[in-house]
Structure formats: C-alpha cells, structure tokens
Amino acid sequence: METVGSGKNKPALIRRLFFFMLGLLALVGISSIASEWISKQGADNRIGVVDITGLIHDSQHIVKQIKKFREDERIRGIVLRIDSPGGSVGPSQEIYDEVLKTRNSSKTIYASMGTVAASGGYYIASAANRVFANPGTLTGSIGVIMVFPNIKGLMDKLGLQPEIIKAGKYKDVGSPIRKMTKKEKNLLQNVTTDVHQQFIEAVAKGRNISITEVSKVADGRVLTGRQAHALRLVDQLGGLEVTIDQLAREVRIIGTPKIIKEK
C-alpha cells in the first residue's frame, strides 16, 4: 500500500542517491591517486649500495649488482662502498668498466672508500662520478706486482731433481724450481709495465686528469684520504653517510633516502 505523496518523492530520492554514489566514486578515485603518488614517492627515494670488500678475485657478482641497480628505474643513484686492498687485474678492470658504463648512463654513481681502498680498490673507485674518502682512509697504491717464490735451494738440499717437459720457450716462466733467466725477467717486466700503464690511463680517464699528473704518484705509494684529496684523486672527505647525503641531493631525493642492498 503506497503512502500519499510517495510517488513525488521517488525522483528526488533517486537523484540524491545518484549524486551520493558519484561523490563516493570521486572520493575513491582521489584516494587511489594519492595513494599511488605516495607509493611512487617512496619508490623514487631509493639509493642502491654495493659493497666491495676483501681481495678482488672475481667480478661477476659485483658487476651483476651494479647492472641491476642501473637498470632499475626505482633506484635513483648508486653508492659503491669499498673496503679492499685490491686484487687481480682482470676482475678490477671488469668492475671499473661497469662503473664507467653506469656513470655514462643516466644514473649517478658515487664511490665511498672505507678503511682501505688501494690498488684495485682505487682502480674501481676512480671510475665513479665522485669519490669520497675518510681523512685516514688508506688508498692509492697505483702499481702492479708479480711475486714468484723460488725453492730451488731447498730442493737441492733435499736432492730433488724435477724433470720438465714443455712446448714453448717461456711456458714455465716463473717456475719455483729453477732460477729465472734475464730474458724471462725482461718478459715479465714488460707485462707488468704494460698493466701498470693501463692502470694509470684508467685513473686519468676516470678522474679526468692528465696521465702525466697521475704518473707522478703512480709509483705504488700508499696515500691517506687527505693526501689523495690534495692530489685530486679524491673529490671530498667524508664517510658513507656523507656520500649518501651528497648523492641524495644530487639526484634530488626528497626526504630520507631508502637504502637498498643485495642480500
């Protein structure tokens, strides 16, 4: 049974319900956009940190991390945290190349040197956009060394006489059971000198200074962070937090950056 006047109130009720639903949908839409914006802002505040510690004898894991962070649009910048006395030439060069590739892309990469970042450790750091070191960081050591132990005297005392079968004049160069010839020493010296020159050229390119300037301190000497800063091998004195703060400003991160590390 209908109430008197109920027919007239129906259209008004429907209109009110329609506008209510319309307003509700608009509110949900605005809330969704705001939530997405806040989420995006948080994602855009990320800085990737790559730890390079200990002797450098392999490059694949480090190269993979740097490449991953470079290709991740959510990562605004990368910090290399280096605590290494150096290591093998090949892996150091591979990591250097990946750092330089990142530097030449749209992604900014800084190097933060901890207790020690010498030899191969500095080789890698020199490719970054900017290099940071503590005043007491041990760095530099731009040089190359080969070590060949010799146990010939001990073998003579023990009466041991090995038989060597080889194909190739220099195949057993550096053998620990015999004295090295002058020609072999010259051969290895040429190899060492060439690798040393590659090191000098890499630092000059990474630091954007002349080969002559690098060569003046490329005699294997170890430097403090403060000395390296005076020689233009380091851009700024400061630890990891200073490096992160400077990078955050450089890439225009608003608020506190979120640090991302590979487990």
Protein backbone atom coordinates (compact mmCIF):
# COMPACT_ATOMS: atom_id res chain seq x y z
CA MET A 1 0.00 0.00 0.00
CA GLU A 2 1.53 3.36 -1.11
CA THR A 3 1.79 6.39 1.16
CA VAL A 4 0.27 9.63 -0.12
CA GLY A 5 2.90 11.73 -1.96
CA SER A 6 5.42 8.89 -2.18
CA GLY A 7 5.36 8.99 -6.00
CA LYS A 8 6.55 12.58 -5.98
CA ASN A 9 9.47 11.86 -3.57
CA LYS A 10 10.90 8.96 -5.62
CA PRO A 11 12.71 11.06 -8.30
CA ALA A 12 14.32 13.29 -5.65
CA LEU A 13 15.48 10.22 -3.69
CA ILE A 14 16.96 8.68 -6.83
CA ARG A 15 18.77 11.93 -7.66
CA ARG A 16 20.21 12.16 -4.15
CA LEU A 17 21.34 8.53 -4.31
CA PHE A 18 22.94 9.14 -7.73
CA PHE A 19 24.93 12.17 -6.55
CA PHE A 20 25.93 10.32 -3.38
CA MET A 21 27.32 7.41 -5.44
CA LEU A 22 29.03 9.86 -7.81
CA GLY A 23 30.70 11.62 -4.89
CA LEU A 24 31.75 8.31 -3.36
CA LEU A 25 33.36 7.17 -6.62
CA ALA A 26 35.20 10.50 -6.92
CA LEU A 27 36.48 10.17 -3.36
CA VAL A 28 37.71 6.63 -4.01
CA GLY A 29 39.43 7.81 -7.19
CA ILE A 30 41.18 10.71 -5.43
CA SER A 31 42.25 8.40 -2.60
CA SER A 32 43.65 5.89 -5.10
CA ILE A 33 45.62 8.58 -6.95
CA ALA A 34 47.00 9.98 -3.68
CA SER A 35 47.99 6.50 -2.51
CA GLU A 36 49.72 5.78 -5.81
CA TRP A 37 51.57 9.14 -5.65
CA ILE A 38 52.75 8.49 -2.08
CA SER A 39 53.86 4.97 -3.06
CA LYS A 40 55.71 6.32 -6.07
CA GLN A 41 57.42 8.98 -3.98
CA GLY A 42 58.68 6.27 -1.62
CA ALA A 43 59.90 4.13 -4.52
CA ASP A 44 61.72 7.11 -6.04
CA ASN A 45 63.70 7.70 -2.85
CA ARG A 46 65.84 4.60 -3.27
CA ILE A 47 69.65 4.51 -3.35
CA GLY A 48 71.42 1.25 -4.12
CA VAL A 49 74.56 0.41 -2.12
CA VAL A 50 77.05 -2.13 -3.48
CA ASP A 51 79.64 -3.49 -1.02
CA ILE A 52 83.09 -4.31 -2.42
CA THR A 53 85.09 -5.90 0.38
CA GLY A 54 88.19 -8.04 0.72
CA LEU A 55 90.50 -9.20 -2.05
CA ILE A 56 89.14 -8.71 -5.56
CA HIS A 57 89.47 -12.07 -7.28
CA ASP A 58 86.09 -12.28 -9.03
CA SER A 59 83.89 -9.62 -10.64
CA GLN A 60 80.64 -11.29 -11.70
CA HIS A 61 78.62 -10.74 -8.52
CA ILE A 62 79.60 -7.06 -8.26
CA VAL A 63 79.03 -6.40 -11.96
CA LYS A 64 75.61 -8.06 -11.73
CA GLN A 65 74.60 -5.87 -8.76
CA ILE A 66 75.71 -2.63 -10.44
CA LYS A 67 73.91 -3.53 -13.66
CA LYS A 68 70.74 -4.47 -11.77
CA PHE A 69 70.66 -1.15 -9.91
CA ARG A 70 71.45 0.78 -13.10
CA GLU A 71 68.52 -0.76 -14.95
CA ASP A 72 66.08 -0.42 -12.03
CA GLU A 73 64.12 2.82 -12.55
CA ARG A 74 63.22 2.89 -8.84
CA ILE A 75 66.90 3.30 -7.91
CA ARG A 76 67.84 6.97 -8.19
CA GLY A 77 71.57 6.56 -7.60
CA ILE A 78 74.27 4.05 -6.61
CA VAL A 79 76.99 4.09 -3.94
CA LEU A 80 79.99 1.75 -4.09
CA ARG A 81 81.20 1.08 -0.53
CA ILE A 82 84.81 -0.05 -1.00
CA ASP A 83 86.90 -1.75 1.69
CA SER A 84 89.51 -3.59 -0.33
CA PRO A 85 93.31 -3.65 -0.62
CA GLY A 86 92.98 -4.65 -4.29
CA GLY A 87 93.44 -7.96 -6.03
CA SER A 88 93.54 -9.38 -9.53
CA VAL A 89 93.82 -7.06 -12.52
CA GLY A 90 91.16 -8.61 -14.77
CA PRO A 91 88.24 -8.52 -12.28
CA SER A 92 89.17 -4.97 -11.21
CA GLN A 93 89.05 -3.86 -14.84
CA GLU A 94 85.68 -5.55 -15.41
CA ILE A 95 84.13 -3.78 -12.41
CA TYR A 96 85.76 -0.49 -13.49
CA ASP A 97 84.16 -0.83 -16.93
CA GLU A 98 80.72 -1.47 -15.42
CA VAL A 99 81.06 1.56 -13.13
CA LEU A 100 82.12 3.73 -16.07
CA LYS A 101 79.20 2.42 -18.13
CA THR A 102 76.83 3.38 -15.31
CA ARG A 103 78.44 6.81 -15.00
CA ASN A 104 77.93 7.40 -18.72
CA SER A 105 74.26 6.40 -18.44
CA SER A 106 71.52 8.48 -16.81
CA LYS A 107 72.34 7.00 -13.38
CA THR A 108 74.71 8.71 -10.92
CA ILE A 109 77.24 6.52 -9.12
CA TYR A 110 79.48 7.58 -6.20
CA ALA A 111 82.35 5.74 -4.51
CA SER A 112 82.77 5.74 -0.71
CA MET A 113 86.15 4.43 0.47
CA GLY A 114 86.25 2.96 3.95
CA THR A 115 89.30 1.69 5.88
CA VAL A 116 91.27 0.85 2.76
CA ALA A 117 90.65 1.24 -0.97
CA ALA A 118 94.03 0.71 -2.54
CA SER A 119 95.37 -0.69 -5.80
CA GLY A 120 92.41 -2.47 -7.46
CA GLY A 121 90.08 -0.91 -4.88
CA TYR A 122 91.09 2.57 -6.03
CA TYR A 123 91.10 1.41 -9.67
CA ILE A 124 87.34 0.76 -9.33
CA ALA A 125 86.62 3.94 -7.33
CA SER A 126 88.27 6.17 -9.93
CA ALA A 127 85.51 5.37 -12.46
CA ALA A 128 82.71 6.83 -10.29
CA ASN A 129 81.15 10.28 -10.76
CA ARG A 130 82.59 11.35 -7.41
CA VAL A 131 84.99 9.71 -4.95
CA PHE A 132 84.71 10.13 -1.16
CA ALA A 133 87.25 9.05 1.47
CA ASN A 134 87.82 9.47 5.17
CA PRO A 135 90.94 11.52 6.02
CA GLY A 136 92.58 8.35 7.34
CA THR A 137 91.49 6.01 4.54
CA LEU A 138 94.45 4.14 3.01
CA THR A 139 94.27 4.46 -0.74
CA GLY A 140 96.40 4.95 -3.86
CA SER A 141 98.96 2.16 -4.37
CA ILE A 142 98.76 2.71 -8.13
CA GLY A 143 101.14 -0.01 -9.15
CA VAL A 144 101.44 -3.65 -10.19
CA ILE A 145 103.38 -6.51 -8.61
CA MET A 146 104.21 -10.09 -9.55
CA VAL A 147 105.67 -12.48 -6.97
CA PHE A 148 107.33 -15.80 -7.85
CA PRO A 149 108.65 -17.83 -4.89
CA ASN A 150 111.77 -19.90 -5.56
CA ILE A 151 112.52 -23.16 -3.73
CA LYS A 152 115.46 -24.33 -5.85
CA GLY A 153 117.92 -24.13 -2.92
CA LEU A 154 115.65 -26.24 -0.72
CA MET A 155 115.19 -28.83 -3.48
CA ASP A 156 118.96 -29.06 -3.96
CA LYS A 157 119.41 -29.75 -0.24
CA LEU A 158 116.78 -32.47 -0.39
CA GLY A 159 118.33 -33.95 -3.51
CA LEU A 160 115.19 -33.49 -5.61
CA GLN A 161 115.62 -33.02 -9.34
CA PRO A 162 112.37 -32.48 -11.30
CA GLU A 163 112.10 -33.32 -15.00
CA ILE A 164 110.38 -30.63 -17.11
CA ILE A 165 108.74 -31.36 -20.46
CA LYS A 166 107.36 -28.30 -22.26
CA ALA A 167 106.37 -26.93 -25.65
CA GLY A 168 107.05 -23.24 -25.87
CA LYS A 169 110.20 -21.43 -24.80
CA TYR A 170 108.58 -19.46 -21.99
CA LYS A 171 105.93 -21.97 -20.91
CA ASP A 172 107.47 -22.49 -17.47
CA VAL A 173 108.46 -18.87 -16.89
CA GLY A 174 108.31 -18.12 -13.16
CA SER A 175 108.86 -21.75 -12.20
CA PRO A 176 109.71 -22.03 -8.47
CA ILE A 177 112.18 -24.86 -9.04
CA ARG A 178 114.78 -23.03 -11.08
CA LYS A 179 116.41 -19.63 -11.34
CA MET A 180 114.73 -17.16 -13.69
CA THR A 181 116.77 -16.10 -16.74
CA LYS A 182 117.40 -12.47 -17.65
CA LYS A 183 115.21 -12.77 -20.76
CA GLU A 184 112.36 -14.16 -18.66
CA LYS A 185 112.67 -11.29 -16.20
CA ASN A 186 112.56 -8.79 -19.06
CA LEU A 187 109.49 -10.52 -20.49
CA LEU A 188 107.59 -10.35 -17.19
CA GLN A 189 108.77 -6.80 -16.58
CA ASN A 190 107.26 -5.75 -19.92
CA VAL A 191 103.96 -7.39 -18.97
CA THR A 192 103.96 -5.64 -15.57
CA THR A 193 104.85 -2.29 -17.12
CA ASP A 194 102.01 -2.57 -19.64
CA VAL A 195 99.44 -3.42 -16.95
CA HIS A 196 100.77 -0.51 -14.87
CA GLN A 197 100.29 1.84 -17.82
CA GLN A 198 96.72 0.59 -18.25
CA PHE A 199 96.12 1.38 -14.56
CA ILE A 200 97.47 4.93 -14.99
CA GLU A 201 95.37 5.53 -18.09
CA ALA A 202 92.23 4.23 -16.37
CA VAL A 203 92.71 6.55 -13.37
CA ALA A 204 93.43 9.52 -15.66
CA LYS A 205 90.25 8.83 -17.62
CA GLY A 206 88.09 8.25 -14.57
CA ARG A 207 89.38 11.27 -12.67
CA ASN A 208 89.57 13.48 -15.76
CA ILE A 209 93.16 14.48 -15.10
CA SER A 210 96.28 14.11 -17.23
CA ILE A 211 98.35 10.93 -17.49
CA THR A 212 101.39 13.00 -16.52
CA GLU A 213 99.70 14.12 -13.30
CA VAL A 214 98.70 10.56 -12.37
CA SER A 215 102.16 9.21 -13.23
CA LYS A 216 103.73 11.46 -10.58
CA VAL A 217 102.09 9.40 -7.80
CA ALA A 218 101.71 6.08 -9.67
CA ASP A 219 104.80 4.52 -8.09
CA GLY A 220 102.91 2.15 -5.80
CA ARG A 221 102.90 4.53 -2.82
CA VAL A 222 100.04 4.34 -0.31
CA LEU A 223 98.25 7.62 0.46
CA THR A 224 95.88 8.78 3.16
CA GLY A 225 92.47 10.04 2.12
CA ARG A 226 93.59 13.59 2.92
CA GLN A 227 96.73 13.27 0.79
CA ALA A 228 94.71 11.77 -2.07
CA HIS A 229 92.24 14.66 -1.82
CA ALA A 230 95.08 17.18 -2.16
CA LEU A 231 96.29 15.30 -5.26
CA ARG A 232 92.80 15.32 -6.85
CA LEU A 233 92.47 11.54 -6.59
CA VAL A 234 89.53 12.08 -4.20
CA ASP A 235 86.72 14.64 -4.56
CA GLN A 236 85.58 15.07 -0.96
CA LEU A 237 86.46 13.94 2.54
CA GLY A 238 83.68 12.14 4.39
CA GLY A 239 82.28 8.71 5.21
CA LEU A 240 79.43 6.63 3.88
CA GLU A 241 76.66 8.83 5.34
CA VAL A 242 78.17 11.94 3.80
CA THR A 243 78.36 10.14 0.46
CA ILE A 244 74.72 9.08 0.64
CA ASP A 245 73.58 12.59 1.66
CA GLN A 246 75.50 14.19 -1.20
CA LEU A 247 74.14 11.68 -3.71
CA ALA A 248 70.58 12.23 -2.44
CA ARG A 249 70.97 15.96 -3.06
CA GLU A 250 72.49 15.37 -6.48
CA VAL A 251 69.59 13.19 -7.67
CA ARG A 252 67.02 15.44 -5.90
CA ILE A 253 65.61 12.95 -3.45
CA ILE A 254 63.04 14.49 -1.11
CA GLY A 255 63.30 13.31 2.48
CA THR A 256 65.39 10.43 3.79
CA PRO A 257 66.58 8.04 1.06
CA LYS A 258 65.76 4.35 1.35
CA ILE A 259 68.93 2.24 1.18
CA ILE A 260 68.70 -0.89 -0.96
CA LYS A 261 71.32 -3.66 -0.66
CA GLU A 262 71.60 -7.10 -2.19
CA LYS A 263 71.41 -9.82 0.46
